[in-house]
C-alpha atoms as a PDB file:
ATOM      1  CA  UNK A   1       6.666 200.493 191.419  1.00  0.00           C
ATOM      2  CA  UNK A   2      10.213 198.927 191.995  1.00  0.00           C
ATOM      3  CA  UNK A   3      12.802 201.331 191.133  1.00  0.00           C
ATOM      4  CA  UNK A   4      16.487 200.017 189.910  1.00  0.00           C
ATOM      5  CA  UNK A   5      19.141 202.422 190.467  1.00  0.00           C
ATOM      6  CA  UNK A   6      21.904 202.922 187.855  1.00  0.00           C
ATOM      7  CA  UNK A   7      24.572 201.119 190.153  1.00  0.00           C
ATOM      8  CA  UNK A   8      21.947 198.056 190.886  1.00  0.00           C
ATOM      9  CA  UNK A   9      21.364 198.160 186.789  1.00  0.00           C
ATOM     10  CA  UNK A  10      25.159 198.225 186.173  1.00  0.00           C
ATOM     11  CA  UNK A  11      25.619 195.356 188.330  1.00  0.00           C
ATOM     12  CA  UNK A  12      22.921 193.234 186.592  1.00  0.00           C
ATOM     13  CA  UNK A  13      23.743 194.215 183.547  1.00  0.00           C
ATOM     14  CA  UNK A  14      27.453 192.580 184.373  1.00  0.00           C
ATOM     15  CA  UNK A  15      25.494 189.682 186.041  1.00  0.00           C
ATOM     16  CA  UNK A  16      24.149 188.942 182.424  1.00  0.00           C
ATOM     17  CA  UNK A  17      27.063 189.699 180.281  1.00  0.00           C
ATOM     18  CA  UNK A  18      28.918 187.071 182.777  1.00  0.00           C
ATOM     19  CA  UNK A  19      26.162 184.719 181.977  1.00  0.00           C
ATOM     20  CA  UNK A  20      25.775 185.099 178.321  1.00  0.00           C
ATOM     21  CA  UNK A  21      29.841 184.755 177.821  1.00  0.00           C
ATOM     22  CA  UNK A  22      29.761 181.704 180.415  1.00  0.00           C
ATOM     23  CA  UNK A  23      26.869 180.181 177.830  1.00  0.00           C
ATOM     24  CA  UNK A  24      28.799 180.910 174.727  1.00  0.00           C
ATOM     25  CA  UNK A  25      32.512 179.633 176.378  1.00  0.00           C
ATOM     26  CA  UNK A  26      30.167 176.476 177.575  1.00  0.00           C
ATOM     27  CA  UNK A  27      29.015 175.792 174.013  1.00  0.00           C
ATOM     28  CA  UNK A  28      32.054 176.217 172.542  1.00  0.00           C
ATOM     29  CA  UNK A  29      33.421 173.130 174.822  1.00  0.00           C
ATOM     30  CA  UNK A  30      30.619 171.268 173.726  1.00  0.00           C
ATOM     31  CA  UNK A  31      31.060 167.773 172.328  1.00  0.00           C
ATOM     32  CA  UNK A  32      29.770 167.156 168.528  1.00  0.00           C
ATOM     33  CA  UNK A  33      29.276 164.102 166.760  1.00  0.00           C
ATOM     34  CA  UNK A  34      29.154 163.786 163.186  1.00  0.00           C
ATOM     35  CA  UNK A  35      28.066 160.550 161.002  1.00  0.00           C
ATOM     36  CA  UNK A  36      29.943 159.542 157.748  1.00  0.00           C
ATOM     37  CA  UNK A  37      28.225 157.079 155.432  1.00  0.00           C
ATOM     38  CA  UNK A  38      30.329 155.220 152.666  1.00  0.00           C
ATOM     39  CA  UNK A  39      29.224 153.171 149.722  1.00  0.00           C
ATOM     40  CA  UNK A  40      32.397 151.141 150.341  1.00  0.00           C
ATOM     41  CA  UNK A  41      34.077 149.150 152.936  1.00  0.00           C
ATOM     42  CA  UNK A  42      36.808 149.811 155.461  1.00  0.00           C
ATOM     43  CA  UNK A  43      39.546 148.533 153.530  1.00  0.00           C
ATOM     44  CA  UNK A  44      39.062 150.236 150.302  1.00  0.00           C
ATOM     45  CA  UNK A  45      41.925 152.514 149.394  1.00  0.00           C
ATOM     46  CA  UNK A  46      39.515 155.825 150.342  1.00  0.00           C
ATOM     47  CA  UNK A  47      38.907 154.559 153.709  1.00  0.00           C
ATOM     48  CA  UNK A  48      42.071 153.616 154.366  1.00  0.00           C
ATOM     49  CA  UNK A  49      43.866 156.777 152.753  1.00  0.00           C
ATOM     50  CA  UNK A  50      41.936 159.136 153.375  1.00  0.00           C
ATOM     51  CA  UNK A  51      38.391 158.830 155.852  1.00  0.00           C
ATOM     52  CA  UNK A  52      40.119 156.972 158.466  1.00  0.00           C
ATOM     53  CA  UNK A  53      43.220 159.751 158.807  1.00  0.00           C
ATOM     54  CA  UNK A  54      40.901 162.308 158.711  1.00  0.00           C
ATOM     55  CA  UNK A  55      38.899 160.810 161.414  1.00  0.00           C
ATOM     56  CA  UNK A  56      41.734 160.330 163.546  1.00  0.00           C
ATOM     57  CA  UNK A  57      43.671 164.000 162.490  1.00  0.00           C
ATOM     58  CA  UNK A  58      40.091 165.531 163.585  1.00  0.00           C
ATOM     59  CA  UNK A  59      39.628 164.107 166.498  1.00  0.00           C
ATOM     60  CA  UNK A  60      43.179 164.848 167.962  1.00  0.00           C
ATOM     61  CA  UNK A  61      43.341 168.044 166.737  1.00  0.00           C
ATOM     62  CA  UNK A  62      39.806 169.107 168.166  1.00  0.00           C
ATOM     63  CA  UNK A  63      40.721 167.779 171.768  1.00  0.00           C
ATOM     64  CA  UNK A  64      38.333 165.283 171.411  1.00  0.00           C
ATOM     65  CA  UNK A  65      35.305 167.821 171.099  1.00  0.00           C
ATOM     66  CA  UNK A  66      34.670 167.009 167.420  1.00  0.00           C
ATOM     67  CA  UNK A  67      33.687 163.089 167.000  1.00  0.00           C
ATOM     68  CA  UNK A  68      33.004 161.102 164.387  1.00  0.00           C
ATOM     69  CA  UNK A  69      31.493 157.998 163.679  1.00  0.00           C
ATOM     70  CA  UNK A  70      32.077 156.301 160.685  1.00  0.00           C
ATOM     71  CA  UNK A  71      29.578 153.434 158.740  1.00  0.00           C
ATOM     72  CA  UNK A  72      31.381 151.686 155.875  1.00  0.00           C
ATOM     73  CA  UNK A  73      29.554 149.614 153.420  1.00  0.00           C
ATOM     74  CA  UNK A  74      25.727 150.930 154.239  1.00  0.00           C
ATOM     75  CA  UNK A  75      25.998 150.024 157.677  1.00  0.00           C
ATOM     76  CA  UNK A  76      23.245 152.207 158.091  1.00  0.00           C
ATOM     77  CA  UNK A  77      20.938 151.160 155.556  1.00  0.00           C
ATOM     78  CA  UNK A  78      19.429 152.217 152.281  1.00  0.00           C
ATOM     79  CA  UNK A  79      21.284 151.462 148.875  1.00  0.00           C
ATOM     80  CA  UNK A  80      24.521 153.382 147.435  1.00  0.00           C
ATOM     81  CA  UNK A  81      22.056 155.510 145.251  1.00  0.00           C
ATOM     82  CA  UNK A  82      20.586 156.910 148.603  1.00  0.00           C
ATOM     83  CA  UNK A  83      23.735 158.285 149.939  1.00  0.00           C
ATOM     84  CA  UNK A  84      23.205 162.094 148.888  1.00  0.00           C
ATOM     85  CA  UNK A  85      19.668 162.022 149.901  1.00  0.00           C
ATOM     86  CA  UNK A  86      20.464 160.935 153.344  1.00  0.00           C
ATOM     87  CA  UNK A  87      23.256 163.858 153.681  1.00  0.00           C
ATOM     88  CA  UNK A  88      20.765 166.277 152.315  1.00  0.00           C
ATOM     89  CA  UNK A  89      18.295 165.729 154.825  1.00  0.00           C
ATOM     90  CA  UNK A  90      20.783 165.242 157.116  1.00  0.00           C
ATOM     91  CA  UNK A  91      20.174 161.498 158.034  1.00  0.00           C
ATOM     92  CA  UNK A  92      23.918 161.812 158.384  1.00  0.00           C
ATOM     93  CA  UNK A  93      26.741 164.530 158.009  1.00  0.00           C
ATOM     94  CA  UNK A  94      28.853 163.257 155.712  1.00  0.00           C
ATOM     95  CA  UNK A  95      28.929 160.803 152.821  1.00  0.00           C
ATOM     96  CA  UNK A  96      31.263 159.187 150.739  1.00  0.00           C
ATOM     97  CA  UNK A  97      30.231 158.467 147.080  1.00  0.00           C
ATOM     98  CA  UNK A  98      31.299 158.087 143.395  1.00  0.00           C
ATOM     99  CA  UNK A  99      29.098 160.625 141.160  1.00  0.00           C
ATOM    100  CA  UNK A 100      27.837 157.399 138.835  1.00  0.00           C
ATOM    101  CA  UNK A 101      25.760 155.770 141.948  1.00  0.00           C
ATOM    102  CA  UNK A 102      23.222 159.001 141.919  1.00  0.00           C
ATOM    103  CA  UNK A 103      22.376 158.934 138.243  1.00  0.00           C
ATOM    104  CA  UNK A 104      21.868 162.380 137.208  1.00  0.00           C
ATOM    105  CA  UNK A 105      22.991 164.225 139.945  1.00  0.00           C
ATOM    106  CA  UNK A 106      26.469 164.788 139.007  1.00  0.00           C
ATOM    107  CA  UNK A 107      26.164 164.371 135.673  1.00  0.00           C
ATOM    108  CA  UNK A 108      28.953 167.540 134.954  1.00  0.00           C
ATOM    109  CA  UNK A 109      31.441 165.806 137.272  1.00  0.00           C
ATOM    110  CA  UNK A 110      30.663 162.242 135.588  1.00  0.00           C
ATOM    111  CA  UNK A 111      32.525 164.272 132.468  1.00  0.00           C
ATOM    112  CA  UNK A 112      35.691 163.285 134.195  1.00  0.00           C
ATOM    113  CA  UNK A 113      35.202 159.405 133.933  1.00  0.00           C
ATOM    114  CA  UNK A 114      34.498 159.401 130.443  1.00  0.00           C
ATOM    115  CA  UNK A 115      36.791 157.018 128.712  1.00  0.00           C
ATOM    116  CA  UNK A 116      39.805 158.103 127.051  1.00  0.00           C
ATOM    117  CA  UNK A 117      40.033 161.478 128.813  1.00  0.00           C
ATOM    118  CA  UNK A 118      41.839 160.864 131.753  1.00  0.00           C
ATOM    119  CA  UNK A 119      44.946 161.305 133.199  1.00  0.00           C
ATOM    120  CA  UNK A 120      45.887 157.978 133.739  1.00  0.00           C
ATOM    121  CA  UNK A 121      47.511 158.197 137.512  1.00  0.00           C
ATOM    122  CA  UNK A 122      45.393 159.256 140.543  1.00  0.00           C
ATOM    123  CA  UNK A 123      47.591 162.275 141.021  1.00  0.00           C
ATOM    124  CA  UNK A 124      47.123 163.987 138.046  1.00  0.00           C
ATOM    125  CA  UNK A 125      43.652 163.139 137.468  1.00  0.00           C
ATOM    126  CA  UNK A 126      42.340 164.630 141.038  1.00  0.00           C
ATOM    127  CA  UNK A 127      44.711 167.707 140.262  1.00  0.00           C
ATOM    128  CA  UNK A 128      42.290 168.051 136.904  1.00  0.00           C
ATOM    129  CA  UNK A 129      39.106 167.175 138.768  1.00  0.00           C
ATOM    130  CA  UNK A 130      39.325 169.776 141.411  1.00  0.00           C
ATOM    131  CA  UNK A 131      40.313 172.523 139.021  1.00  0.00           C
ATOM    132  CA  UNK A 132      37.428 171.561 137.054  1.00  0.00           C
ATOM    133  CA  UNK A 133      34.934 171.257 139.734  1.00  0.00           C
ATOM    134  CA  UNK A 134      36.040 174.589 141.204  1.00  0.00           C
ATOM    135  CA  UNK A 135      35.454 176.645 137.642  1.00  0.00           C
ATOM    136  CA  UNK A 136      32.038 174.742 136.791  1.00  0.00           C
ATOM    137  CA  UNK A 137      30.338 172.766 139.155  1.00  0.00           C
ATOM    138  CA  UNK A 138      30.685 174.300 142.950  1.00  0.00           C
ATOM    139  CA  UNK A 139      27.292 176.746 142.193  1.00  0.00           C
ATOM    140  CA  UNK A 140      25.235 173.866 140.961  1.00  0.00           C
ATOM    141  CA  UNK A 141      26.082 170.307 141.713  1.00  0.00           C
ATOM    142  CA  UNK A 142      27.606 171.002 144.611  1.00  0.00           C
ATOM    143  CA  UNK A 143      24.988 174.076 146.271  1.00  0.00           C
ATOM    144  CA  UNK A 144      24.944 173.458 149.735  1.00  0.00           C
ATOM    145  CA  UNK A 145      27.402 171.147 149.897  1.00  0.00           C
ATOM    146  CA  UNK A 146      31.017 171.355 151.481  1.00  0.00           C
ATOM    147  CA  UNK A 147      33.282 169.036 149.777  1.00  0.00           C
ATOM    148  CA  UNK A 148      35.623 167.652 152.229  1.00  0.00           C
ATOM    149  CA  UNK A 149      37.889 165.615 149.765  1.00  0.00           C
ATOM    150  CA  UNK A 150      37.600 164.692 146.055  1.00  0.00           C
ATOM    151  CA  UNK A 151      40.092 162.114 144.061  1.00  0.00           C
ATOM    152  CA  UNK A 152      40.564 160.406 140.941  1.00  0.00           C
ATOM    153  CA  UNK A 153      41.193 156.566 141.103  1.00  0.00           C
ATOM    154  CA  UNK A 154      43.887 155.377 139.579  1.00  0.00           C
ATOM    155  CA  UNK A 155      43.541 153.783 135.708  1.00  0.00           C
ATOM    156  CA  UNK A 156      40.227 151.338 135.656  1.00  0.00           C
ATOM    157  CA  UNK A 157      40.418 148.633 133.148  1.00  0.00           C
ATOM    158  CA  UNK A 158      38.661 145.771 131.644  1.00  0.00           C
ATOM    159  CA  UNK A 159      39.084 142.527 133.547  1.00  0.00           C
ATOM    160  CA  UNK A 160      37.280 139.081 132.288  1.00  0.00           C
ATOM    161  CA  UNK A 161      36.372 135.871 133.538  1.00  0.00           C
ATOM    162  CA  UNK A 162      36.748 133.418 130.624  1.00  0.00           C
ATOM    163  CA  UNK A 163      37.418 135.883 127.478  1.00  0.00           C
ATOM    164  CA  UNK A 164      40.849 137.529 126.713  1.00  0.00           C
ATOM    165  CA  UNK A 165      39.325 140.590 124.671  1.00  0.00           C
ATOM    166  CA  UNK A 166      41.463 141.597 121.685  1.00  0.00           C
ATOM    167  CA  UNK A 167      39.499 143.764 119.779  1.00  0.00           C
ATOM    168  CA  UNK A 168      36.033 145.188 119.708  1.00  0.00           C
ATOM    169  CA  UNK A 169      34.611 142.013 118.225  1.00  0.00           C
ATOM    170  CA  UNK A 170      35.701 140.076 121.334  1.00  0.00           C
ATOM    171  CA  UNK A 171      33.189 142.518 123.326  1.00  0.00           C
ATOM    172  CA  UNK A 172      30.019 141.561 121.490  1.00  0.00           C
ATOM    173  CA  UNK A 173      27.453 140.248 123.889  1.00  0.00           C
ATOM    174  CA  UNK A 174      29.859 140.308 127.119  1.00  0.00           C
ATOM    175  CA  UNK A 175      28.079 141.619 129.694  1.00  0.00           C
ATOM    176  CA  UNK A 176      30.664 143.812 132.219  1.00  0.00           C
ATOM    177  CA  UNK A 177      30.048 145.916 135.342  1.00  0.00           C
ATOM    178  CA  UNK A 178      30.150 149.503 134.366  1.00  0.00           C
ATOM    179  CA  UNK A 179      29.463 152.250 137.078  1.00  0.00           C
ATOM    180  CA  UNK A 180      28.025 155.545 135.743  1.00  0.00           C
ATOM    181  CA  UNK A 181      25.783 156.385 132.464  1.00  0.00           C
ATOM    182  CA  UNK A 182      28.525 157.227 130.528  1.00  0.00           C
ATOM    183  CA  UNK A 183      30.928 154.390 131.314  1.00  0.00           C
ATOM    184  CA  UNK A 184      27.683 152.645 130.565  1.00  0.00           C
ATOM    185  CA  UNK A 185      27.372 154.172 127.193  1.00  0.00           C
ATOM    186  CA  UNK A 186      31.470 153.444 126.427  1.00  0.00           C
ATOM    187  CA  UNK A 187      30.581 149.968 126.808  1.00  0.00           C
ATOM    188  CA  UNK A 188      27.815 149.622 124.658  1.00  0.00           C
ATOM    189  CA  UNK A 189      29.433 151.452 121.791  1.00  0.00           C
ATOM    190  CA  UNK A 190      32.161 149.015 122.106  1.00  0.00           C
ATOM    191  CA  UNK A 191      29.837 146.395 121.768  1.00  0.00           C
ATOM    192  CA  UNK A 192      29.120 145.351 125.052  1.00  0.00           C
ATOM    193  CA  UNK A 193      26.541 145.229 127.604  1.00  0.00           C
ATOM    194  CA  UNK A 194      26.511 147.144 130.875  1.00  0.00           C
ATOM    195  CA  UNK A 195      25.223 146.173 134.028  1.00  0.00           C
ATOM    196  CA  UNK A 196      24.902 148.364 137.401  1.00  0.00           C
ATOM    197  CA  UNK A 197      26.819 146.779 140.085  1.00  0.00           C
ATOM    198  CA  UNK A 198      27.620 147.976 143.762  1.00  0.00           C
ATOM    199  CA  UNK A 199      31.172 147.189 144.755  1.00  0.00           C
ATOM    200  CA  UNK A 200      29.819 144.666 147.242  1.00  0.00           C
ATOM    201  CA  UNK A 201      27.856 142.762 144.322  1.00  0.00           C
ATOM    202  CA  UNK A 202      30.165 142.628 142.334  1.00  0.00           C
ATOM    203  CA  UNK A 203      32.239 139.506 143.314  1.00  0.00           C
ATOM    204  CA  UNK A 204      28.968 137.049 143.569  1.00  0.00           C
ATOM    205  CA  UNK A 205      28.071 138.352 140.225  1.00  0.00           C
ATOM    206  CA  UNK A 206      31.193 137.293 138.597  1.00  0.00           C
ATOM    207  CA  UNK A 207      31.315 134.130 140.695  1.00  0.00           C
ATOM    208  CA  UNK A 208      27.567 133.144 139.376  1.00  0.00           C
ATOM    209  CA  UNK A 209      28.634 134.225 135.809  1.00  0.00           C
ATOM    210  CA  UNK A 210      25.891 136.708 135.929  1.00  0.00           C
ATOM    211  CA  UNK A 211      28.602 138.585 134.197  1.00  0.00           C
ATOM    212  CA  UNK A 212      31.217 138.513 132.107  1.00  0.00           C
ATOM    213  CA  UNK A 213      33.350 141.094 133.662  1.00  0.00           C
ATOM    214  CA  UNK A 214      33.882 144.452 134.546  1.00  0.00           C
ATOM    215  CA  UNK A 215      35.350 147.716 134.180  1.00  0.00           C
ATOM    216  CA  UNK A 216      36.978 148.678 137.578  1.00  0.00           C
ATOM    217  CA  UNK A 217      40.659 150.425 138.927  1.00  0.00           C
ATOM    218  CA  UNK A 218      43.129 148.312 139.971  1.00  0.00           C
ATOM    219  CA  UNK A 219      43.578 149.678 143.492  1.00  0.00           C
ATOM    220  CA  UNK A 220      40.071 147.980 144.480  1.00  0.00           C
ATOM    221  CA  UNK A 221      40.712 144.971 143.015  1.00  0.00           C
ATOM    222  CA  UNK A 222      42.785 142.956 146.003  1.00  0.00           C
ATOM    223  CA  UNK A 223      40.751 144.837 148.604  1.00  0.00           C
ATOM    224  CA  UNK A 224      37.767 143.049 147.241  1.00  0.00           C
ATOM    225  CA  UNK A 225      39.634 140.070 146.292  1.00  0.00           C
ATOM    226  CA  UNK A 226      37.812 140.281 142.789  1.00  0.00           C
ATOM    227  CA  UNK A 227      41.268 138.737 141.413  1.00  0.00           C
ATOM    228  CA  UNK A 228      40.069 135.331 142.639  1.00  0.00           C
ATOM    229  CA  UNK A 229      36.715 135.584 139.825  1.00  0.00           C
ATOM    230  CA  UNK A 230      38.115 137.195 136.987  1.00  0.00           C
ATOM    231  CA  UNK A 231      41.285 136.205 135.037  1.00  0.00           C
ATOM    232  CA  UNK A 232      42.077 138.554 131.982  1.00  0.00           C
ATOM    233  CA  UNK A 233      43.181 142.039 132.694  1.00  0.00           C
ATOM    234  CA  UNK A 234      43.773 144.284 130.234  1.00  0.00           C
ATOM    235  CA  UNK A 235      46.081 147.052 130.816  1.00  0.00           C
ATOM    236  CA  UNK A 236      45.459 149.256 128.595  1.00  0.00           C
ATOM    237  CA  UNK A 237      43.703 152.068 130.785  1.00  0.00           C
ATOM    238  CA  UNK A 238      40.101 152.823 129.926  1.00  0.00           C
ATOM    239  CA  UNK A 239      38.890 155.595 132.372  1.00  0.00           C
ATOM    240  CA  UNK A 240      39.125 156.896 135.794  1.00  0.00           C
ATOM    241  CA  UNK A 241      36.394 157.273 138.463  1.00  0.00           C
ATOM    242  CA  UNK A 242      35.899 160.321 140.735  1.00  0.00           C
ATOM    243  CA  UNK A 243      35.300 159.550 144.151  1.00  0.00           C
ATOM    244  CA  UNK A 244      34.363 162.114 146.725  1.00  0.00           C
ATOM    245  CA  UNK A 245      33.560 162.902 150.509  1.00  0.00           C
ATOM    246  CA  UNK A 246      31.069 165.554 151.004  1.00  0.00           C
ATOM    247  CA  UNK A 247      29.320 167.273 154.003  1.00  0.00           C
ATOM    248  CA  UNK A 248      25.947 168.729 154.427  1.00  0.00           C
ATOM    249  CA  UNK A 249      26.998 172.398 154.161  1.00  0.00           C
ATOM    250  CA  UNK A 250      24.276 172.835 157.591  1.00  0.00           C
ATOM    251  CA  UNK A 251      26.230 170.226 159.188  1.00  0.00           C
ATOM    252  CA  UNK A 252      29.365 172.433 158.967  1.00  0.00           C
ATOM    253  CA  UNK A 253      27.996 175.717 159.830  1.00  0.00           C
ATOM    254  CA  UNK A 254      26.792 174.427 163.128  1.00  0.00           C
ATOM    255  CA  UNK A 255      29.910 173.750 164.426  1.00  0.00           C
ATOM    256  CA  UNK A 256      31.753 176.498 166.125  1.00  0.00           C
ATOM    257  CA  UNK A 257      34.121 178.249 164.037  1.00  0.00           C
ATOM    258  CA  UNK A 258      37.345 176.739 166.172  1.00  0.00           C
ATOM    259  CA  UNK A 259      35.968 173.432 164.866  1.00  0.00           C
ATOM    260  CA  UNK A 260      35.137 174.516 161.302  1.00  0.00           C
ATOM    261  CA  UNK A 261      38.893 175.433 161.287  1.00  0.00           C
ATOM    262  CA  UNK A 262      39.700 172.155 162.697  1.00  0.00           C
ATOM    263  CA  UNK A 263      37.973 170.391 159.617  1.00  0.00           C
ATOM    264  CA  UNK A 264      39.377 173.419 156.742  1.00  0.00           C
ATOM    265  CA  UNK A 265      42.716 172.474 158.013  1.00  0.00           C
ATOM    266  CA  UNK A 266      42.876 168.838 157.308  1.00  0.00           C
ATOM    267  CA  UNK A 267      41.097 169.439 153.431  1.00  0.00           C
ATOM    268  CA  UNK A 268      41.940 171.124 150.378  1.00  0.00           C
ATOM    269  CA  UNK A 269      43.740 170.773 147.032  1.00  0.00           C
ATOM    270  CA  UNK A 270      47.014 170.031 148.376  1.00  0.00           C
ATOM    271  CA  UNK A 271      45.856 167.322 150.519  1.00  0.00           C
ATOM    272  CA  UNK A 272      43.471 165.472 147.975  1.00  0.00           C
ATOM    273  CA  UNK A 273      46.464 165.443 145.438  1.00  0.00           C
ATOM    274  CA  UNK A 274      48.709 164.045 148.593  1.00  0.00           C
ATOM    275  CA  UNK A 275      46.187 161.405 148.913  1.00  0.00           C
ATOM    276  CA  UNK A 276      45.724 160.759 145.346  1.00  0.00           C
ATOM    277  CA  UNK A 277      49.718 159.700 145.399  1.00  0.00           C
ATOM    278  CA  UNK A 278      49.208 157.216 147.637  1.00  0.00           C
ATOM    279  CA  UNK A 279      46.583 155.502 145.888  1.00  0.00           C
ATOM    280  CA  UNK A 280      48.541 155.688 142.429  1.00  0.00           C
ATOM    281  CA  UNK A 281      50.953 153.433 144.780  1.00  0.00           C
ATOM    282  CA  UNK A 282      48.700 150.733 145.033  1.00  0.00           C
ATOM    283  CA  UNK A 283      48.571 150.306 141.281  1.00  0.00           C
ATOM    284  CA  UNK A 284      51.627 148.402 140.871  1.00  0.00           C
ATOM    285  CA  UNK A 285      51.096 146.335 144.137  1.00  0.00           C
ATOM    286  CA  UNK A 286      47.553 145.083 142.821  1.00  0.00           C
ATOM    287  CA  UNK A 287      48.902 144.037 139.490  1.00  0.00           C
ATOM    288  CA  UNK A 288      51.568 142.006 141.312  1.00  0.00           C
ATOM    289  CA  UNK A 289      49.324 140.462 143.577  1.00  0.00           C
ATOM    290  CA  UNK A 290      46.822 139.677 140.467  1.00  0.00           C
ATOM    291  CA  UNK A 291      49.936 138.128 138.557  1.00  0.00           C
ATOM    292  CA  UNK A 292      50.814 136.186 141.131  1.00  0.00           C
ATOM    293  CA  UNK A 293      47.418 134.613 141.564  1.00  0.00           C
ATOM    294  CA  UNK A 294      47.458 133.368 138.197  1.00  0.00           C
ATOM    295  CA  UNK A 295      45.610 136.231 136.211  1.00  0.00           C
ATOM    296  CA  UNK A 296      47.062 137.283 132.938  1.00  0.00           C
ATOM    297  CA  UNK A 297      48.009 140.847 132.515  1.00  0.00           C
ATOM    298  CA  UNK A 298      47.861 141.994 128.738  1.00  0.00           C
ATOM    299  CA  UNK A 299      47.673 144.639 126.398  1.00  0.00           C
ATOM    300  CA  UNK A 300      45.647 145.487 123.025  1.00  0.00           C
ATOM    301  CA  UNK A 301      47.626 146.911 120.238  1.00  0.00           C
ATOM    302  CA  UNK A 302      47.968 151.159 119.881  1.00  0.00           C
ATOM    303  CA  UNK A 303      46.133 150.399 116.508  1.00  0.00           C
ATOM    304  CA  UNK A 304      43.301 148.835 118.219  1.00  0.00           C
ATOM    305  CA  UNK A 305      43.009 151.414 120.911  1.00  0.00           C
ATOM    306  CA  UNK A 306      42.344 154.022 118.033  1.00  0.00           C
ATOM    307  CA  UNK A 307      39.842 151.997 117.263  1.00  0.00           C
ATOM    308  CA  UNK A 308      38.038 152.070 120.262  1.00  0.00           C
ATOM    309  CA  UNK A 309      38.780 156.149 121.185  1.00  0.00           C
ATOM    310  CA  UNK A 310      36.695 156.344 117.650  1.00  0.00           C
ATOM    311  CA  UNK A 311      33.761 154.236 118.594  1.00  0.00           C
ATOM    312  CA  UNK A 312      33.280 156.094 122.125  1.00  0.00           C
ATOM    313  CA  UNK A 313      33.371 159.824 120.947  1.00  0.00           C
ATOM    314  CA  UNK A 314      29.353 159.613 120.210  1.00  0.00           C
ATOM    315  CA  UNK A 315      29.824 159.534 124.289  1.00  0.00           C
ATOM    316  CA  UNK A 316      31.189 162.315 124.333  1.00  0.00           C
ATOM    317  CA  UNK A 317      28.414 164.436 122.336  1.00  0.00           C
ATOM    318  CA  UNK A 318      25.814 163.036 124.845  1.00  0.00           C
ATOM    319  CA  UNK A 319      27.402 164.522 127.470  1.00  0.00           C
ATOM    320  CA  UNK A 320      28.051 167.924 125.483  1.00  0.00           C
ATOM    321  CA  UNK A 321      24.115 168.011 124.843  1.00  0.00           C
ATOM    322  CA  UNK A 322      23.459 166.984 128.437  1.00  0.00           C
ATOM    323  CA  UNK A 323      25.222 169.942 129.898  1.00  0.00           C
ATOM    324  CA  UNK A 324      23.985 172.135 127.378  1.00  0.00           C
ATOM    325  CA  UNK A 325      20.675 171.265 128.177  1.00  0.00           C
ATOM    326  CA  UNK A 326      20.972 171.944 131.666  1.00  0.00           C
ATOM    327  CA  UNK A 327      22.062 175.297 130.701  1.00  0.00           C
ATOM    328  CA  UNK A 328      25.849 174.800 131.069  1.00  0.00           C
ATOM    329  CA  UNK A 329      28.827 175.220 128.220  1.00  0.00           C
ATOM    330  CA  UNK A 330      28.489 171.724 127.236  1.00  0.00           C
ATOM    331  CA  UNK A 331      31.282 172.410 124.530  1.00  0.00           C
ATOM    332  CA  UNK A 332      33.483 174.526 126.781  1.00  0.00           C
ATOM    333  CA  UNK A 333      33.427 172.203 129.434  1.00  0.00           C
ATOM    334  CA  UNK A 334      34.418 169.148 127.608  1.00  0.00           C
ATOM    335  CA  UNK A 335      37.390 171.183 125.741  1.00  0.00           C
ATOM    336  CA  UNK A 336      38.502 171.902 128.975  1.00  0.00           C
ATOM    337  CA  UNK A 337      38.532 168.372 130.326  1.00  0.00           C
ATOM    338  CA  UNK A 338      40.701 167.578 127.545  1.00  0.00           C
ATOM    339  CA  UNK A 339      43.029 170.903 128.160  1.00  0.00           C
ATOM    340  CA  UNK A 340      42.970 170.132 132.235  1.00  0.00           C
ATOM    341  CA  UNK A 341      43.780 166.359 132.014  1.00  0.00           C
ATOM    342  CA  UNK A 342      46.567 166.876 129.194  1.00  0.00           C
ATOM    343  CA  UNK A 343      47.589 169.446 131.302  1.00  0.00           C
ATOM    344  CA  UNK A 344      48.294 167.329 134.295  1.00  0.00           C
ATOM    345  CA  UNK A 345      49.681 164.550 132.344  1.00  0.00           C
ATOM    346  CA  UNK A 346      47.009 162.787 129.999  1.00  0.00           C
ATOM    347  CA  UNK A 347      49.181 160.729 127.354  1.00  0.00           C
ATOM    348  CA  UNK A 348      48.413 162.403 123.631  1.00  0.00           C
END
């Protein structure tokens, strides 16, 4: 039997501790790569104003130890409706998406997208959106998910190819691109037929007269050149979409604490609201381009819009009932949507 003296034991223990510390130090210096998959293209406002600056900041502040590979326009395959599953299965680490792309998955958040419940500006809508999410949705729809960013788009309106819509009567029989269940329900309530199309499919569908128009926000029009295949642009705000950047919580937890801090330093309420302010600057520029290229911008009367608001009220109840079925306080949540958006600037 080989005996170990106290001095030898102390030396061995010190060596083992040093090895452990060296291993931990080496691990702390390891490089990590995260994959980001997006439904929209590199020219989209969310890419230019959030994703690309975020990547640049994180890579610089991590000293190059945290790399991010950005795959826009569904370059890694699948459809936009697969993004959440890809993130949850860690096929990718981070996704850029909108709630309506995955029907039923983010129904609570889709409540913020319903027509005539919105602030009208990206900055105001973003603040309301974040408050609402933090209060009601973190422990259910976003369980196991780290929210890196969230914002409301600028105002979405109706754009058509041949029909200048002046009343609900003009909506009858029109096929309109509508993202999300509740936006689609609103189009139906107004007399139109909703058609589910991704951004990438919309230009061709309009060009081939497969649809008569679309409901979409101003800022996305020119990056996708949608003004080339539409003529009439109603300026009355209809709704606002939510866009989020989500990370698999396990992917985040697997990073060393110092790299987690780098990510956390570049996200949060104030950062999202700041980015939304940049989105708002795109609205007037888009309108100017559309007008210069021959688009007809117009508004319908306030009296007509009041009729539209009345027509879509049943859509609110559909959403409230859906929340109740999920064990959430539907009416309370709807009342809070209206209170929060009013707080942040929704016109009465």
